[in-house]
Amino acid sequence: MPARVDSAGFRFTSPKALEPAAALVGVALAAYVLLCTPLARAFGFFERRLVERFSGARRASARSRRREIVLRGIARELPASFSRSLVVLAATAALVLLSLGKSLLAPEVDLVALPLSTLAALGTTTLAVGGGGARWSLRHGLERLAALLLQQVPFGIVLVLAAMTTGSLSARTLVSAQGPWPWQWNLTATPALAIAGIAALCALVPRARSAGALATGRLGTRREQALELSAFTHQMVVVSVLVVILFGGWGVPPRAGLALQLLGAASAVAKVWGILVAVATARWVMGPLDVLGVRRATVLWLCLPSLIAAVLSLTLGGTELGAICLGIAEGFGPALVLGTALGAVLVTRRAIAALGSRPAEIGVHAWL
């Protein structure tokens, strides 16, 4: 007689041994799908601009001269003025205080109040300078303000997802929920936060200043300088908050010793500077990018994926399908870290090859 199997109470769960393999296959499949979409043209465009930037350094004969050209181009995008240095000092002090367990306003509102205050200052400055163009214009100021607010949508989604995931926006709670290793950060361990976080980081590349003023390389008027300073202040705060939410913060337990807390604070500051250097490198490679000129790309490639990821995360969070996806995502972090490291090595090797190769000489064959 056929045997009957009672499946009452059975819940499907993915085997632990298959989760890393599933994560590796998922990352490879996602990379293949991305390269088959129109997003692949963005990677090709970035590589082409990188080769164009290296073309000036490639003509230099000495290797030290090439390195000097590249480093000087990146250094132009980093803070060099006295006012920006004060902003960096203030943001560093705030991050160190948070890492030592201190609160600036209140533990639950620090990570929200700081970016909101700098965003309000940026909006006020944008309207006050009339958009920062050659002439003061209220319409131009409103257009630039709308573009700047659109640029902050992925960062706002990161805040919402962080609050829904951990149930709190306290810096200490968010850091305690992560680990010190890269595959334990929210950027790699949580797919929805990873998508929104990468979009928020990409949104930092376009500048608040007009593309025409950036192309000339001049310092600009006082109105343009005020807009740049306000935008840089907001960028420093956003990067510091993203380090706490996505990059593990200081990665030290709350009751650790003073020496370990200072070491964690130093690591958090190093992460902030790493992101600043990455943004400066992307700006140097891409050239003058104005927030007004990339509004359509911001909506399609930054805001829309972040919103879809947030909706799927909040919708599937309490379902069985969401539990299965969360189990697979436990092995997603190491695979993503490995894939990112391999991609960085590949891009670096191609850049070094482009820097060391001689420019091709164009000619016409005699028999043709």
Protein backbone atom coordinates (compact mmCIF):
# COMPACT_ATOMS: atom_id res chain seq x y z
CA MET A 1 0.00 0.00 0.00
CA PRO A 2 1.28 3.50 -0.71
CA ALA A 3 2.73 5.25 2.33
CA ARG A 4 1.37 8.61 3.41
CA VAL A 5 3.73 11.37 4.44
CA ASP A 6 2.44 14.00 6.81
CA SER A 7 3.78 17.43 5.76
CA ALA A 8 1.96 19.46 8.39
CA GLY A 9 4.20 22.14 9.84
CA PHE A 10 6.89 21.62 7.20
CA ARG A 11 8.77 24.80 6.26
CA PHE A 12 11.27 24.83 3.45
CA THR A 13 14.67 26.23 4.31
CA SER A 14 17.78 26.33 2.18
CA PRO A 15 20.64 24.05 3.31
CA LYS A 16 23.46 25.93 4.97
CA ALA A 17 26.08 24.19 2.84
CA LEU A 18 24.50 25.46 -0.39
CA GLU A 19 24.17 29.12 0.60
CA PRO A 20 27.73 30.22 -0.37
CA ALA A 21 27.46 28.41 -3.71
CA ALA A 22 24.04 29.95 -4.35
CA ALA A 23 25.46 33.38 -3.51
CA LEU A 24 28.39 32.93 -5.92
CA VAL A 25 26.09 31.78 -8.71
CA GLY A 26 23.73 34.66 -7.95
CA VAL A 27 26.51 37.26 -8.10
CA ALA A 28 27.83 35.82 -11.39
CA LEU A 29 24.33 35.72 -12.86
CA ALA A 30 23.60 39.28 -11.69
CA ALA A 31 26.87 40.51 -13.25
CA TYR A 32 26.01 38.77 -16.53
CA VAL A 33 22.50 40.26 -16.56
CA LEU A 34 23.88 43.74 -15.82
CA LEU A 35 26.36 43.47 -18.67
CA CYS A 36 23.49 42.54 -21.01
CA THR A 37 21.46 45.61 -20.06
CA PRO A 38 21.96 49.24 -21.15
CA LEU A 39 23.88 49.72 -17.88
CA ALA A 40 26.86 48.06 -19.59
CA ARG A 41 27.21 51.21 -21.70
CA ALA A 42 27.82 53.14 -18.48
CA PHE A 43 30.74 50.84 -17.62
CA GLY A 44 32.11 51.24 -21.15
CA PHE A 45 31.70 55.01 -20.95
CA PHE A 46 33.54 55.09 -17.59
CA GLU A 47 36.41 53.00 -18.97
CA ARG A 48 36.67 55.20 -22.07
CA ARG A 49 36.80 58.35 -19.95
CA LEU A 50 39.44 56.72 -17.76
CA VAL A 51 41.61 56.05 -20.79
CA GLU A 52 41.06 59.63 -21.99
CA ARG A 53 42.16 60.97 -18.62
CA PHE A 54 45.25 58.78 -18.74
CA SER A 55 46.10 59.94 -22.25
CA GLY A 56 47.75 63.10 -20.92
CA ALA A 57 49.78 61.13 -18.41
CA ARG A 58 50.65 58.53 -21.05
CA ARG A 59 52.44 61.15 -23.16
CA ALA A 60 54.78 61.91 -20.27
CA SER A 61 58.09 60.10 -20.58
CA ALA A 62 59.00 59.66 -16.91
CA ARG A 63 56.91 57.38 -14.70
CA SER A 64 57.09 59.87 -11.82
CA ARG A 65 55.69 62.55 -14.14
CA ARG A 66 52.75 60.29 -15.04
CA ARG A 67 52.00 59.62 -11.39
CA GLU A 68 52.18 63.35 -10.66
CA ILE A 69 49.63 64.13 -13.40
CA VAL A 70 47.18 61.53 -12.12
CA LEU A 71 47.52 62.50 -8.46
CA ARG A 72 47.23 66.20 -9.24
CA GLY A 73 44.00 65.62 -11.14
CA ILE A 74 42.48 63.70 -8.23
CA ALA A 75 43.77 66.21 -5.66
CA ARG A 76 41.83 69.02 -7.37
CA GLU A 77 38.60 67.33 -6.26
CA LEU A 78 39.66 67.01 -2.61
CA PRO A 79 39.21 69.74 0.04
CA ALA A 80 42.05 72.25 -0.11
CA SER A 81 40.64 75.58 1.09
CA PHE A 82 40.57 76.70 4.71
CA SER A 83 36.78 76.66 4.94
CA ARG A 84 36.56 73.10 3.65
CA SER A 85 39.28 72.05 6.06
CA LEU A 86 37.15 73.38 8.90
CA VAL A 87 34.20 71.35 7.60
CA VAL A 88 36.35 68.22 7.50
CA LEU A 89 37.58 68.91 11.05
CA ALA A 90 34.03 69.39 12.36
CA ALA A 91 32.72 66.23 10.65
CA THR A 92 35.69 64.23 11.96
CA ALA A 93 35.11 65.49 15.50
CA ALA A 94 31.41 64.57 15.31
CA LEU A 95 32.22 61.07 14.06
CA VAL A 96 34.80 60.55 16.81
CA LEU A 97 32.30 61.65 19.46
CA LEU A 98 29.73 59.19 18.11
CA SER A 99 32.29 56.40 18.13
CA LEU A 100 33.10 57.14 21.78
CA GLY A 101 29.44 56.71 22.73
CA LYS A 102 28.58 60.39 22.95
CA SER A 103 25.45 61.93 21.45
CA LEU A 104 25.32 65.23 19.62
CA LEU A 105 21.57 65.86 19.99
CA ALA A 106 19.83 62.59 20.93
CA PRO A 107 20.85 59.00 20.16
CA GLU A 108 17.79 58.33 17.98
CA VAL A 109 17.89 61.54 15.94
CA ASP A 110 21.59 62.24 15.39
CA LEU A 111 21.80 60.42 12.05
CA VAL A 112 18.65 62.17 10.79
CA ALA A 113 19.01 65.67 12.24
CA LEU A 114 22.55 66.25 10.94
CA PRO A 115 21.88 65.54 7.22
CA LEU A 116 18.53 67.33 7.41
CA SER A 117 20.17 70.46 8.81
CA THR A 118 22.92 70.48 6.18
CA LEU A 119 20.35 69.79 3.45
CA ALA A 120 18.25 72.72 4.66
CA ALA A 121 21.36 74.90 4.59
CA LEU A 122 22.16 73.70 1.07
CA GLY A 123 18.63 74.48 -0.13
CA THR A 124 18.69 77.91 1.44
CA THR A 125 22.09 78.67 -0.10
CA THR A 126 20.93 77.45 -3.52
CA LEU A 127 17.95 79.81 -3.48
CA ALA A 128 19.98 82.67 -2.01
CA VAL A 129 22.62 82.51 -4.76
CA GLY A 130 20.01 82.04 -7.49
CA GLY A 131 21.35 78.67 -8.61
CA GLY A 132 24.98 79.80 -8.68
CA GLY A 133 24.93 80.81 -12.35
CA ALA A 134 26.39 83.85 -14.04
CA ARG A 135 23.26 85.83 -13.16
CA TRP A 136 20.92 85.54 -10.21
CA SER A 137 17.73 83.75 -11.25
CA LEU A 138 14.96 82.42 -9.03
CA ARG A 139 13.83 79.94 -11.67
CA HIS A 140 17.34 78.59 -12.08
CA GLY A 141 17.66 78.36 -8.31
CA LEU A 142 14.42 76.36 -8.03
CA GLU A 143 15.53 74.00 -10.83
CA ARG A 144 18.88 73.38 -9.17
CA LEU A 145 17.22 72.90 -5.79
CA ALA A 146 14.83 70.30 -7.27
CA ALA A 147 17.79 68.48 -8.85
CA LEU A 148 19.66 68.49 -5.53
CA LEU A 149 16.62 67.12 -3.68
CA LEU A 150 16.25 64.40 -6.31
CA GLN A 151 19.86 63.49 -5.69
CA GLN A 152 19.06 62.81 -2.00
CA VAL A 153 16.30 60.24 -2.65
CA PRO A 154 18.59 57.15 -2.45
CA PHE A 155 20.09 58.42 0.80
CA GLY A 156 16.61 58.89 2.26
CA ILE A 157 15.72 55.32 1.26
CA VAL A 158 18.87 54.12 3.05
CA LEU A 159 17.68 55.82 6.24
CA VAL A 160 14.22 54.25 5.95
CA LEU A 161 15.61 50.76 5.29
CA ALA A 162 18.07 51.07 8.18
CA ALA A 163 15.25 52.05 10.54
CA MET A 164 13.02 49.19 9.33
CA THR A 165 15.84 46.62 9.48
CA THR A 166 17.24 47.34 12.94
CA GLY A 167 14.23 49.09 14.47
CA SER A 168 16.34 52.07 15.46
CA LEU A 169 18.43 54.86 13.98
CA SER A 170 20.81 55.05 16.90
CA ALA A 171 24.42 54.99 15.75
CA ARG A 172 25.41 52.56 18.50
CA THR A 173 22.59 50.14 17.57
CA LEU A 174 23.42 50.26 13.86
CA VAL A 175 27.12 49.60 14.48
CA SER A 176 26.38 46.79 16.95
CA ALA A 177 24.17 45.06 14.36
CA GLN A 178 27.16 44.82 12.00
CA GLY A 179 30.54 43.19 12.28
CA PRO A 180 34.07 44.48 11.78
CA TRP A 181 34.68 42.53 8.55
CA PRO A 182 33.51 43.79 5.14
CA TRP A 183 31.19 40.80 4.53
CA GLN A 184 29.43 41.62 7.83
CA TRP A 185 28.57 45.19 6.86
CA ASN A 186 25.09 46.17 5.76
CA LEU A 187 26.52 47.12 2.37
CA THR A 188 27.26 43.46 1.63
CA ALA A 189 25.01 41.51 4.00
CA THR A 190 21.67 43.17 3.13
CA PRO A 191 20.80 43.27 -0.60
CA ALA A 192 18.24 46.10 -0.34
CA LEU A 193 20.61 48.31 1.63
CA ALA A 194 23.39 47.40 -0.79
CA ILE A 195 21.39 48.61 -3.81
CA ALA A 196 20.22 51.80 -2.11
CA GLY A 197 23.67 52.43 -0.61
CA ILE A 198 25.48 52.10 -3.94
CA ALA A 199 22.92 54.44 -5.49
CA ALA A 200 23.48 56.95 -2.66
CA LEU A 201 27.24 56.78 -3.22
CA CYS A 202 26.85 57.28 -6.98
CA ALA A 203 24.61 60.29 -6.29
CA LEU A 204 27.59 62.02 -4.65
CA VAL A 205 29.52 62.25 -7.94
CA PRO A 206 27.55 65.04 -9.73
CA ARG A 207 28.43 68.53 -8.55
CA ALA A 208 26.08 71.23 -7.34
CA ARG A 209 27.93 73.82 -9.41
CA SER A 210 27.12 74.39 -13.07
CA ALA A 211 29.00 72.32 -15.64
CA GLY A 212 30.13 75.41 -17.55
CA ALA A 213 31.88 76.83 -14.50
CA LEU A 214 33.47 73.45 -13.77
CA ALA A 215 34.81 73.08 -17.30
CA THR A 216 36.68 76.38 -17.14
CA GLY A 217 38.54 75.34 -13.99
CA ARG A 218 38.27 78.79 -12.44
CA LEU A 219 37.52 79.38 -8.77
CA GLY A 220 34.20 81.04 -9.52
CA THR A 221 32.32 83.91 -7.99
CA ARG A 222 31.45 84.22 -4.33
CA ARG A 223 27.99 82.82 -5.00
CA GLU A 224 29.45 79.75 -6.69
CA GLN A 225 31.95 79.28 -3.88
CA ALA A 226 29.18 79.52 -1.28
CA LEU A 227 27.17 76.88 -3.13
CA GLU A 228 30.20 74.60 -3.39
CA LEU A 229 30.98 74.97 0.33
CA SER A 230 27.39 74.19 1.33
CA ALA A 231 27.30 71.17 -0.97
CA PHE A 232 30.61 69.88 0.38
CA THR A 233 29.37 70.25 3.98
CA HIS A 234 26.30 68.18 3.19
CA GLN A 235 28.45 65.63 1.36
CA MET A 236 30.71 65.20 4.40
CA VAL A 237 27.71 64.59 6.68
CA VAL A 238 26.12 62.14 4.22
CA VAL A 239 29.36 60.19 3.86
CA SER A 240 29.78 60.01 7.65
CA VAL A 241 26.21 58.71 8.08
CA LEU A 242 26.70 56.16 5.29
CA VAL A 243 29.85 54.91 7.00
CA VAL A 244 27.85 54.28 10.17
CA ILE A 245 24.89 52.61 8.42
CA LEU A 246 26.58 50.69 5.59
CA PHE A 247 30.29 50.30 6.31
CA GLY A 248 30.19 49.04 9.89
CA GLY A 249 31.06 52.39 11.47
CA TRP A 250 33.86 52.02 14.00
CA GLY A 251 33.21 48.28 14.46
CA VAL A 252 33.96 48.27 18.21
CA PRO A 253 31.65 46.99 20.99
CA PRO A 254 30.13 49.74 23.18
CA ARG A 255 31.95 48.62 26.35
CA ALA A 256 35.41 48.29 24.82
CA GLY A 257 38.46 49.98 26.25
CA LEU A 258 39.51 53.50 25.40
CA ALA A 259 42.41 52.37 23.20
CA LEU A 260 40.13 50.07 21.20
CA GLN A 261 37.52 52.83 20.87
CA LEU A 262 40.13 55.26 19.56
CA LEU A 263 41.28 52.62 17.08
CA GLY A 264 37.68 52.15 15.93
CA ALA A 265 37.26 55.92 15.56
CA ALA A 266 40.41 56.04 13.43
CA SER A 267 39.05 53.25 11.22
CA ALA A 268 35.74 55.14 10.77
CA VAL A 269 37.60 58.30 9.76
CA ALA A 270 39.72 56.25 7.35
CA LYS A 271 36.54 54.87 5.76
CA VAL A 272 35.21 58.40 5.31
CA TRP A 273 38.41 59.48 3.59
CA GLY A 274 38.37 56.36 1.43
CA ILE A 275 34.91 57.27 0.16
CA LEU A 276 35.98 60.90 -0.41
CA VAL A 277 38.98 59.77 -2.46
CA ALA A 278 36.76 57.37 -4.46
CA VAL A 279 34.26 60.16 -5.19
CA ALA A 280 37.11 62.51 -6.15
CA THR A 281 38.53 59.87 -8.50
CA ALA A 282 35.13 59.33 -10.12
CA ARG A 283 34.70 63.09 -10.59
CA TRP A 284 38.15 63.37 -12.13
CA VAL A 285 37.45 60.50 -14.52
CA MET A 286 33.93 61.57 -15.52
CA GLY A 287 34.76 65.25 -15.88
CA PRO A 288 32.32 68.11 -15.19
CA LEU A 289 28.95 66.62 -14.17
CA ASP A 290 26.14 68.97 -13.21
CA VAL A 291 23.13 67.81 -11.19
CA LEU A 292 20.88 69.46 -13.78
CA GLY A 293 22.36 67.44 -16.61
CA VAL A 294 21.96 64.02 -14.98
CA ARG A 295 18.39 64.30 -13.68
CA ARG A 296 17.02 61.64 -16.03
CA ALA A 297 19.87 59.24 -15.23
CA THR A 298 19.37 59.89 -11.51
CA VAL A 299 15.70 58.91 -11.72
CA LEU A 300 16.24 55.82 -13.91
CA TRP A 301 19.45 54.38 -12.48
CA LEU A 302 19.53 55.62 -8.87
CA CYS A 303 16.08 56.48 -7.52
CA LEU A 304 14.04 53.77 -9.27
CA PRO A 305 16.27 50.77 -8.33
CA SER A 306 16.49 52.01 -4.73
CA LEU A 307 12.71 52.37 -4.52
CA ILE A 308 12.11 48.91 -6.03
CA ALA A 309 14.60 47.32 -3.64
CA ALA A 310 12.98 49.04 -0.66
CA VAL A 311 9.47 47.97 -1.69
CA LEU A 312 10.53 44.35 -2.23
CA SER A 313 12.41 44.28 1.08
CA LEU A 314 9.49 45.68 3.05
CA THR A 315 6.93 43.51 1.24
CA LEU A 316 8.75 40.17 1.41
CA GLY A 317 10.26 40.75 4.84
CA GLY A 318 7.71 38.70 6.79
CA THR A 319 6.93 36.01 4.19
CA GLU A 320 8.42 32.54 3.65
CA LEU A 321 9.92 33.67 0.36
CA GLY A 322 11.61 36.51 2.18
CA ALA A 323 13.02 34.06 4.75
CA ILE A 324 14.45 31.89 1.97
CA CYS A 325 16.01 34.93 0.28
CA LEU A 326 17.42 36.08 3.61
CA GLY A 327 19.00 32.66 4.15
CA ILE A 328 20.63 32.81 0.73
CA ALA A 329 21.74 36.38 1.39
CA GLU A 330 23.84 35.20 4.35
CA GLY A 331 26.42 34.00 1.86
CA PHE A 332 25.91 37.01 -0.38
CA GLY A 333 28.37 39.19 1.53
CA PRO A 334 31.62 37.24 0.98
CA ALA A 335 30.72 36.65 -2.67
CA LEU A 336 30.03 40.36 -3.22
CA VAL A 337 33.28 41.35 -1.50
CA LEU A 338 35.20 38.85 -3.65
CA GLY A 339 33.49 40.05 -6.85
CA THR A 340 34.15 43.71 -6.00
CA ALA A 341 37.82 42.98 -5.24
CA LEU A 342 38.25 41.11 -8.53
CA GLY A 343 36.52 43.92 -10.43
CA ALA A 344 38.76 46.53 -8.80
CA VAL A 345 41.86 44.49 -9.67
CA LEU A 346 40.70 44.14 -13.28
CA VAL A 347 40.01 47.86 -13.68
CA THR A 348 43.35 48.72 -12.04
CA ARG A 349 45.24 46.39 -14.37
CA ARG A 350 43.52 47.84 -17.44
CA ALA A 351 44.26 51.37 -16.22
CA ILE A 352 47.93 50.55 -15.64
CA ALA A 353 48.12 48.96 -19.08
CA ALA A 354 46.56 52.07 -20.63
CA LEU A 355 48.97 54.28 -18.71
CA GLY A 356 52.05 52.32 -19.74
CA SER A 357 51.16 51.75 -23.40
CA ARG A 358 52.18 54.13 -26.13
CA PRO A 359 49.50 55.96 -28.09
CA ALA A 360 48.71 54.29 -31.39
CA GLU A 361 50.02 56.06 -34.49
CA ILE A 362 47.42 56.46 -37.21
CA GLY A 363 48.69 55.99 -40.76
CA VAL A 364 47.69 54.79 -44.21
CA HIS A 365 49.21 51.72 -45.83
CA ALA A 366 51.05 52.59 -49.02
CA TRP A 367 49.46 49.81 -51.10
CA LEU A 368 45.95 50.90 -50.06
